[in-house]
């Protein structure tokens, strides 16, 4: 019983490591947006929607990791 509980906590902890990857991905996306906009300000209207798409995809991966973590903690 206690081994199963420990495995749940370890699995949930490992699943939350993906949130760090999502945070790094979001930082890279917006750093690239700032870099591209500072190099060529006229491309802002082209770069911004792509940055928002990159942000959304990275955030979706992070939320998926968080959902898996909660499922391991409370549903299994």
PDB file of N, CA and C in Angstrom:
ATOM      1  N   UNK A   1       0.819  -1.198   0.000  1.00  0.00           N
ATOM      2  CA  UNK A   1       0.000   0.000   0.000  1.00  0.00           C
ATOM      3  C   UNK A   1       0.860   1.258   0.000  1.00  0.00           C
ATOM      4  N   UNK A   2       1.870   1.281   0.854  1.00  0.00           N
ATOM      5  CA  UNK A   2       2.709   2.472   0.923  1.00  0.00           C
ATOM      6  C   UNK A   2       3.605   2.600  -0.302  1.00  0.00           C
ATOM      7  N   UNK A   3       3.969   1.470  -0.900  1.00  0.00           N
ATOM      8  CA  UNK A   3       4.781   1.529  -2.117  1.00  0.00           C
ATOM      9  C   UNK A   3       3.967   2.130  -3.254  1.00  0.00           C
ATOM     10  N   UNK A   4       2.686   1.776  -3.334  1.00  0.00           N
ATOM     11  CA  UNK A   4       1.815   2.344  -4.356  1.00  0.00           C
ATOM     12  C   UNK A   4       1.651   3.843  -4.163  1.00  0.00           C
ATOM     13  N   UNK A   5       1.481   4.264  -2.934  1.00  0.00           N
ATOM     14  CA  UNK A   5       1.350   5.689  -2.641  1.00  0.00           C
ATOM     15  C   UNK A   5       2.634   6.441  -2.979  1.00  0.00           C
ATOM     16  N   UNK A   6       3.763   5.854  -2.649  1.00  0.00           N
ATOM     17  CA  UNK A   6       5.047   6.482  -2.980  1.00  0.00           C
ATOM     18  C   UNK A   6       5.239   6.564  -4.489  1.00  0.00           C
ATOM     19  N   UNK A   7       4.821   5.529  -5.206  1.00  0.00           N
ATOM     20  CA  UNK A   7       4.939   5.536  -6.664  1.00  0.00           C
ATOM     21  C   UNK A   7       4.060   6.617  -7.282  1.00  0.00           C
ATOM     22  N   UNK A   8       2.865   6.823  -6.705  1.00  0.00           N
ATOM     23  CA  UNK A   8       1.992   7.893  -7.195  1.00  0.00           C
ATOM     24  C   UNK A   8       2.650   9.253  -7.035  1.00  0.00           C
ATOM     25  N   UNK A   9       3.235   9.496  -5.873  1.00  0.00           N
ATOM     26  CA  UNK A   9       3.871  10.786  -5.623  1.00  0.00           C
ATOM     27  C   UNK A   9       5.109  10.989  -6.495  1.00  0.00           C
ATOM     28  N   UNK A  10       5.876   9.942  -6.679  1.00  0.00           N
ATOM     29  CA  UNK A  10       7.058  10.050  -7.538  1.00  0.00           C
ATOM     30  C   UNK A  10       6.642  10.296  -8.988  1.00  0.00           C
ATOM     31  N   UNK A  11       5.634   9.579  -9.458  1.00  0.00           N
ATOM     32  CA  UNK A  11       5.148   9.776 -10.825  1.00  0.00           C
ATOM     33  C   UNK A  11       4.587  11.166 -11.044  1.00  0.00           C
ATOM     34  N   UNK A  12       3.852  11.678 -10.063  1.00  0.00           N
ATOM     35  CA  UNK A  12       3.302  13.030 -10.183  1.00  0.00           C
ATOM     36  C   UNK A  12       4.418  14.068 -10.177  1.00  0.00           C
ATOM     37  N   UNK A  13       5.440  13.842  -9.365  1.00  0.00           N
ATOM     38  CA  UNK A  13       6.568  14.769  -9.337  1.00  0.00           C
ATOM     39  C   UNK A  13       7.326  14.781 -10.647  1.00  0.00           C
ATOM     40  N   UNK A  14       7.511  13.609 -11.230  1.00  0.00           N
ATOM     41  CA  UNK A  14       8.200  13.537 -12.517  1.00  0.00           C
ATOM     42  C   UNK A  14       7.353  14.172 -13.615  1.00  0.00           C
ATOM     43  N   UNK A  15       6.034  14.012 -13.553  1.00  0.00           N
ATOM     44  CA  UNK A  15       5.162  14.605 -14.564  1.00  0.00           C
ATOM     45  C   UNK A  15       5.181  16.127 -14.509  1.00  0.00           C
ATOM     46  N   UNK A  16       5.409  16.696 -13.331  1.00  0.00           N
ATOM     47  CA  UNK A  16       5.437  18.158 -13.241  1.00  0.00           C
ATOM     48  C   UNK A  16       6.736  18.747 -13.769  1.00  0.00           C
ATOM     49  N   UNK A  17       7.746  17.928 -14.022  1.00  0.00           N
ATOM     50  CA  UNK A  17       8.984  18.451 -14.606  1.00  0.00           C
ATOM     51  C   UNK A  17       8.742  19.033 -16.001  1.00  0.00           C
ATOM     52  N   UNK A  18       7.699  18.558 -16.670  1.00  0.00           N
ATOM     53  CA  UNK A  18       7.353  19.107 -17.977  1.00  0.00           C
ATOM     54  C   UNK A  18       6.930  20.559 -17.920  1.00  0.00           C
ATOM     55  N   UNK A  19       6.478  21.011 -16.763  1.00  0.00           N
ATOM     56  CA  UNK A  19       6.105  22.420 -16.620  1.00  0.00           C
ATOM     57  C   UNK A  19       7.323  23.324 -16.752  1.00  0.00           C
ATOM     58  N   UNK A  20       8.464  22.853 -16.279  1.00  0.00           N
ATOM     59  CA  UNK A  20       9.695  23.624 -16.444  1.00  0.00           C
ATOM     60  C   UNK A  20      10.077  23.743 -17.909  1.00  0.00           C
ATOM     61  N   UNK A  21       9.890  22.673 -18.658  1.00  0.00           N
ATOM     62  CA  UNK A  21      10.154  22.717 -20.093  1.00  0.00           C
ATOM     63  C   UNK A  21       9.226  23.671 -20.818  1.00  0.00           C
ATOM     64  N   UNK A  22       7.970  23.709 -20.396  1.00  0.00           N
ATOM     65  CA  UNK A  22       7.025  24.645 -21.007  1.00  0.00           C
ATOM     66  C   UNK A  22       7.410  26.085 -20.701  1.00  0.00           C
ATOM     67  N   UNK A  23       7.856  26.340 -19.482  1.00  0.00           N
ATOM     68  CA  UNK A  23       8.277  27.697 -19.117  1.00  0.00           C
ATOM     69  C   UNK A  23       9.489  28.131 -19.928  1.00  0.00           C
ATOM     70  N   UNK A  24      10.432  27.229 -20.116  1.00  0.00           N
ATOM     71  CA  UNK A  24      11.609  27.553 -20.927  1.00  0.00           C
ATOM     72  C   UNK A  24      11.202  27.785 -22.382  1.00  0.00           C
ATOM     73  N   UNK A  25      10.276  26.969 -22.886  1.00  0.00           N
ATOM     74  CA  UNK A  25       9.799  27.149 -24.258  1.00  0.00           C
ATOM     75  C   UNK A  25       9.116  28.487 -24.466  1.00  0.00           C
ATOM     76  N   UNK A  26       8.300  28.900 -23.506  1.00  0.00           N
ATOM     77  CA  UNK A  26       7.621  30.193 -23.601  1.00  0.00           C
ATOM     78  C   UNK A  26       8.638  31.324 -23.569  1.00  0.00           C
ATOM     79  N   UNK A  27       9.649  31.200 -22.716  1.00  0.00           N
ATOM     80  CA  UNK A  27      10.683  32.230 -22.647  1.00  0.00           C
ATOM     81  C   UNK A  27      11.444  32.334 -23.964  1.00  0.00           C
ATOM     82  N   UNK A  28      11.741  31.209 -24.577  1.00  0.00           N
ATOM     83  CA  UNK A  28      12.460  31.224 -25.855  1.00  0.00           C
ATOM     84  C   UNK A  28      11.608  31.849 -26.952  1.00  0.00           C
ATOM     85  N   UNK A  29      10.307  31.544 -26.965  1.00  0.00           N
ATOM     86  CA  UNK A  29       9.416  32.110 -27.982  1.00  0.00           C
ATOM     87  C   UNK A  29       9.381  33.628 -27.888  1.00  0.00           C
ATOM     88  N   UNK A  30       9.195  34.155 -26.685  1.00  0.00           N
ATOM     89  CA  UNK A  30       9.089  35.602 -26.563  1.00  0.00           C
ATOM     90  C   UNK A  30      10.441  36.293 -26.677  1.00  0.00           C
ATOM     91  N   UNK A  31      11.530  35.606 -26.325  1.00  0.00           N
ATOM     92  CA  UNK A  31      12.858  36.175 -26.561  1.00  0.00           C
ATOM     93  C   UNK A  31      13.116  36.305 -28.060  1.00  0.00           C
ATOM     94  N   UNK A  32      12.690  35.311 -28.826  1.00  0.00           N
ATOM     95  CA  UNK A  32      12.841  35.384 -30.276  1.00  0.00           C
ATOM     96  C   UNK A  32      11.960  36.483 -30.864  1.00  0.00           C
ATOM     97  N   UNK A  33      10.769  36.671 -30.296  1.00  0.00           N
ATOM     98  CA  UNK A  33       9.898  37.751 -30.765  1.00  0.00           C
ATOM     99  C   UNK A  33      10.538  39.110 -30.512  1.00  0.00           C
ATOM    100  N   UNK A  34      11.072  39.312 -29.323  1.00  0.00           N
ATOM    101  CA  UNK A  34      11.714  40.587 -29.007  1.00  0.00           C
ATOM    102  C   UNK A  34      12.937  40.800 -29.892  1.00  0.00           C
ATOM    103  N   UNK A  35      13.713  39.750 -30.105  1.00  0.00           N
ATOM    104  CA  UNK A  35      14.898  39.854 -30.951  1.00  0.00           C
ATOM    105  C   UNK A  35      14.513  40.192 -32.392  1.00  0.00           C
ATOM    106  N   UNK A  36      13.527  39.500 -32.927  1.00  0.00           N
ATOM    107  CA  UNK A  36      13.100  39.762 -34.297  1.00  0.00           C
ATOM    108  C   UNK A  36      12.490  41.135 -34.471  1.00  0.00           C
ATOM    109  N   UNK A  37      11.718  41.576 -33.485  1.00  0.00           N
ATOM    110  CA  UNK A  37      11.098  42.898 -33.564  1.00  0.00           C
ATOM    111  C   UNK A  37      12.139  44.004 -33.432  1.00  0.00           C
ATOM    112  N   UNK A  38      13.151  43.787 -32.606  1.00  0.00           N
ATOM    113  CA  UNK A  38      14.182  44.817 -32.463  1.00  0.00           C
ATOM    114  C   UNK A  38      15.064  44.902 -33.703  1.00  0.00           C
ATOM    115  N   UNK A  39      15.227  43.797 -34.411  1.00  0.00           N
ATOM    116  CA  UNK A  39      16.027  43.832 -35.640  1.00  0.00           C
ATOM    117  C   UNK A  39      15.260  44.468 -36.794  1.00  0.00           C
ATOM    118  N   UNK A  40      13.968  44.177 -36.879  1.00  0.00           N
ATOM    119  CA  UNK A  40      13.164  44.702 -37.980  1.00  0.00           C
ATOM    120  C   UNK A  40      11.763  45.020 -37.453  1.00  0.00           C
ATOM    121  N   UNK A  41      11.544  46.249 -36.995  1.00  0.00           N
ATOM    122  CA  UNK A  41      10.246  46.596 -36.391  1.00  0.00           C
ATOM    123  C   UNK A  41       9.059  46.492 -37.347  1.00  0.00           C
ATOM    124  N   UNK A  42       9.303  46.562 -38.642  1.00  0.00           N
ATOM    125  CA  UNK A  42       8.185  46.497 -39.584  1.00  0.00           C
ATOM    126  C   UNK A  42       7.586  45.090 -39.674  1.00  0.00           C
ATOM    127  N   UNK A  43       8.294  44.085 -39.187  1.00  0.00           N
ATOM    128  CA  UNK A  43       7.782  42.714 -39.217  1.00  0.00           C
ATOM    129  C   UNK A  43       6.987  42.342 -37.978  1.00  0.00           C
ATOM    130  N   UNK A  44       6.695  43.318 -37.122  1.00  0.00           N
ATOM    131  CA  UNK A  44       5.991  43.013 -35.877  1.00  0.00           C
ATOM    132  C   UNK A  44       4.637  42.362 -36.139  1.00  0.00           C
ATOM    133  N   UNK A  45       3.909  42.863 -37.123  1.00  0.00           N
ATOM    134  CA  UNK A  45       2.573  42.317 -37.396  1.00  0.00           C
ATOM    135  C   UNK A  45       2.647  40.894 -37.949  1.00  0.00           C
ATOM    136  N   UNK A  46       3.779  40.504 -38.507  1.00  0.00           N
ATOM    137  CA  UNK A  46       3.951  39.141 -39.000  1.00  0.00           C
ATOM    138  C   UNK A  46       4.449  38.205 -37.903  1.00  0.00           C
ATOM    139  N   UNK A  47       5.338  38.711 -37.049  1.00  0.00           N
ATOM    140  CA  UNK A  47       5.949  37.865 -36.027  1.00  0.00           C
ATOM    141  C   UNK A  47       5.034  37.608 -34.834  1.00  0.00           C
ATOM    142  N   UNK A  48       4.195  38.580 -34.493  1.00  0.00           N
ATOM    143  CA  UNK A  48       3.395  38.451 -33.276  1.00  0.00           C
ATOM    144  C   UNK A  48       2.411  37.280 -33.320  1.00  0.00           C
ATOM    145  N   UNK A  49       1.648  37.073 -34.408  1.00  0.00           N
ATOM    146  CA  UNK A  49       0.746  35.901 -34.421  1.00  0.00           C
ATOM    147  C   UNK A  49       1.492  34.568 -34.335  1.00  0.00           C
ATOM    148  N   UNK A  50       2.669  34.500 -34.944  1.00  0.00           N
ATOM    149  CA  UNK A  50       3.450  33.270 -34.849  1.00  0.00           C
ATOM    150  C   UNK A  50       3.946  33.050 -33.426  1.00  0.00           C
ATOM    151  N   UNK A  51       4.299  34.131 -32.737  1.00  0.00           N
ATOM    152  CA  UNK A  51       4.734  34.009 -31.346  1.00  0.00           C
ATOM    153  C   UNK A  51       3.581  33.557 -30.456  1.00  0.00           C
ATOM    154  N   UNK A  52       2.399  34.072 -30.697  1.00  0.00           N
ATOM    155  CA  UNK A  52       1.236  33.655 -29.907  1.00  0.00           C
ATOM    156  C   UNK A  52       0.926  32.179 -30.155  1.00  0.00           C
ATOM    157  N   UNK A  53       1.074  31.727 -31.395  1.00  0.00           N
ATOM    158  CA  UNK A  53       0.864  30.311 -31.699  1.00  0.00           C
ATOM    159  C   UNK A  53       1.902  29.443 -30.987  1.00  0.00           C
ATOM    160  N   UNK A  54       3.152  29.871 -31.004  1.00  0.00           N
ATOM    161  CA  UNK A  54       4.192  29.136 -30.286  1.00  0.00           C
ATOM    162  C   UNK A  54       3.945  29.112 -28.791  1.00  0.00           C
ATOM    163  N   UNK A  55       3.482  30.245 -28.250  1.00  0.00           N
ATOM    164  CA  UNK A  55       3.135  30.309 -26.829  1.00  0.00           C
ATOM    165  C   UNK A  55       2.016  29.330 -26.507  1.00  0.00           C
ATOM    166  N   UNK A  56       0.987  29.301 -27.345  1.00  0.00           N
ATOM    167  CA  UNK A  56      -0.161  28.429 -27.085  1.00  0.00           C
ATOM    168  C   UNK A  56       0.235  26.954 -27.141  1.00  0.00           C
ATOM    169  N   UNK A  57       1.062  26.585 -28.101  1.00  0.00           N
ATOM    170  CA  UNK A  57       1.481  25.184 -28.197  1.00  0.00           C
ATOM    171  C   UNK A  57       2.355  24.778 -27.019  1.00  0.00           C
ATOM    172  N   UNK A  58       3.244  25.656 -26.619  1.00  0.00           N
ATOM    173  CA  UNK A  58       4.103  25.357 -25.474  1.00  0.00           C
ATOM    174  C   UNK A  58       3.287  25.279 -24.184  1.00  0.00           C
ATOM    175  N   UNK A  59       2.354  26.180 -24.023  1.00  0.00           N
ATOM    176  CA  UNK A  59       1.506  26.180 -22.824  1.00  0.00           C
ATOM    177  C   UNK A  59       0.605  24.943 -22.794  1.00  0.00           C
ATOM    178  N   UNK A  60       0.141  24.505 -23.969  1.00  0.00           N
ATOM    179  CA  UNK A  60      -0.694  23.305 -24.020  1.00  0.00           C
ATOM    180  C   UNK A  60       0.088  22.078 -23.560  1.00  0.00           C
ATOM    181  N   UNK A  61       1.348  21.987 -23.945  1.00  0.00           N
ATOM    182  CA  UNK A  61       2.176  20.866 -23.472  1.00  0.00           C
ATOM    183  C   UNK A  61       2.361  20.926 -21.961  1.00  0.00           C
ATOM    184  N   UNK A  62       2.557  22.115 -21.425  1.00  0.00           N
ATOM    185  CA  UNK A  62       2.697  22.265 -19.980  1.00  0.00           C
ATOM    186  C   UNK A  62       1.425  21.900 -19.240  1.00  0.00           C
ATOM    187  N   UNK A  63       0.292  22.320 -19.765  1.00  0.00           N
ATOM    188  CA  UNK A  63      -0.981  21.985 -19.125  1.00  0.00           C
ATOM    189  C   UNK A  63      -1.272  20.487 -19.212  1.00  0.00           C
ATOM    190  N   UNK A  64      -0.837  19.861 -20.299  1.00  0.00           N
ATOM    191  CA  UNK A  64      -1.000  18.413 -20.406  1.00  0.00           C
ATOM    192  C   UNK A  64      -0.192  17.704 -19.325  1.00  0.00           C
ATOM    193  N   UNK A  65       1.028  18.164 -19.076  1.00  0.00           N
ATOM    194  CA  UNK A  65       1.847  17.577 -18.002  1.00  0.00           C
ATOM    195  C   UNK A  65       1.185  17.778 -16.642  1.00  0.00           C
ATOM    196  N   UNK A  66       0.619  18.951 -16.424  1.00  0.00           N
ATOM    197  CA  UNK A  66      -0.056  19.219 -15.157  1.00  0.00           C
ATOM    198  C   UNK A  66      -1.289  18.332 -14.995  1.00  0.00           C
ATOM    199  N   UNK A  67      -2.023  18.128 -16.089  1.00  0.00           N
ATOM    200  CA  UNK A  67      -3.204  17.274 -16.035  1.00  0.00           C
ATOM    201  C   UNK A  67      -2.820  15.829 -15.714  1.00  0.00           C
ATOM    202  N   UNK A  68      -1.755  15.340 -16.313  1.00  0.00           N
ATOM    203  CA  UNK A  68      -1.287  13.987 -16.029  1.00  0.00           C
ATOM    204  C   UNK A  68      -0.874  13.863 -14.569  1.00  0.00           C
ATOM    205  N   UNK A  69      -0.230  14.904 -14.053  1.00  0.00           N
ATOM    206  CA  UNK A  69       0.175  14.891 -12.646  1.00  0.00           C
ATOM    207  C   UNK A  69      -1.041  14.804 -11.727  1.00  0.00           C
ATOM    208  N   UNK A  70      -2.065  15.607 -12.002  1.00  0.00           N
ATOM    209  CA  UNK A  70      -3.273  15.562 -11.176  1.00  0.00           C
ATOM    210  C   UNK A  70      -3.993  14.221 -11.308  1.00  0.00           C
ATOM    211  N   UNK A  71      -3.996  13.655 -12.508  1.00  0.00           N
ATOM    212  CA  UNK A  71      -4.615  12.342 -12.682  1.00  0.00           C
ATOM    213  C   UNK A  71      -3.882  11.276 -11.875  1.00  0.00           C
ATOM    214  N   UNK A  72      -2.562  11.352 -11.857  1.00  0.00           N
ATOM    215  CA  UNK A  72      -1.804  10.379 -11.067  1.00  0.00           C
ATOM    216  C   UNK A  72      -2.069  10.534  -9.579  1.00  0.00           C
ATOM    217  N   UNK A  73      -2.232  11.769  -9.133  1.00  0.00           N
ATOM    218  CA  UNK A  73      -2.436  11.996  -7.701  1.00  0.00           C
ATOM    219  C   UNK A  73      -3.841  11.621  -7.232  1.00  0.00           C
ATOM    220  N   UNK A  74      -4.858  11.992  -8.003  1.00  0.00           N
ATOM    221  CA  UNK A  74      -6.222  11.901  -7.487  1.00  0.00           C
ATOM    222  C   UNK A  74      -7.099  10.847  -8.152  1.00  0.00           C
ATOM    223  N   UNK A  75      -6.755  10.375  -9.339  1.00  0.00           N
ATOM    224  CA  UNK A  75      -7.643   9.445 -10.029  1.00  0.00           C
ATOM    225  C   UNK A  75      -7.149   8.002  -9.976  1.00  0.00           C
ATOM    226  N   UNK A  76      -5.891   7.795  -9.751  1.00  0.00           N
ATOM    227  CA  UNK A  76      -5.351   6.427  -9.768  1.00  0.00           C
ATOM    228  C   UNK A  76      -5.273   5.900  -8.358  1.00  0.00           C
TER     229      UNK A  76
END
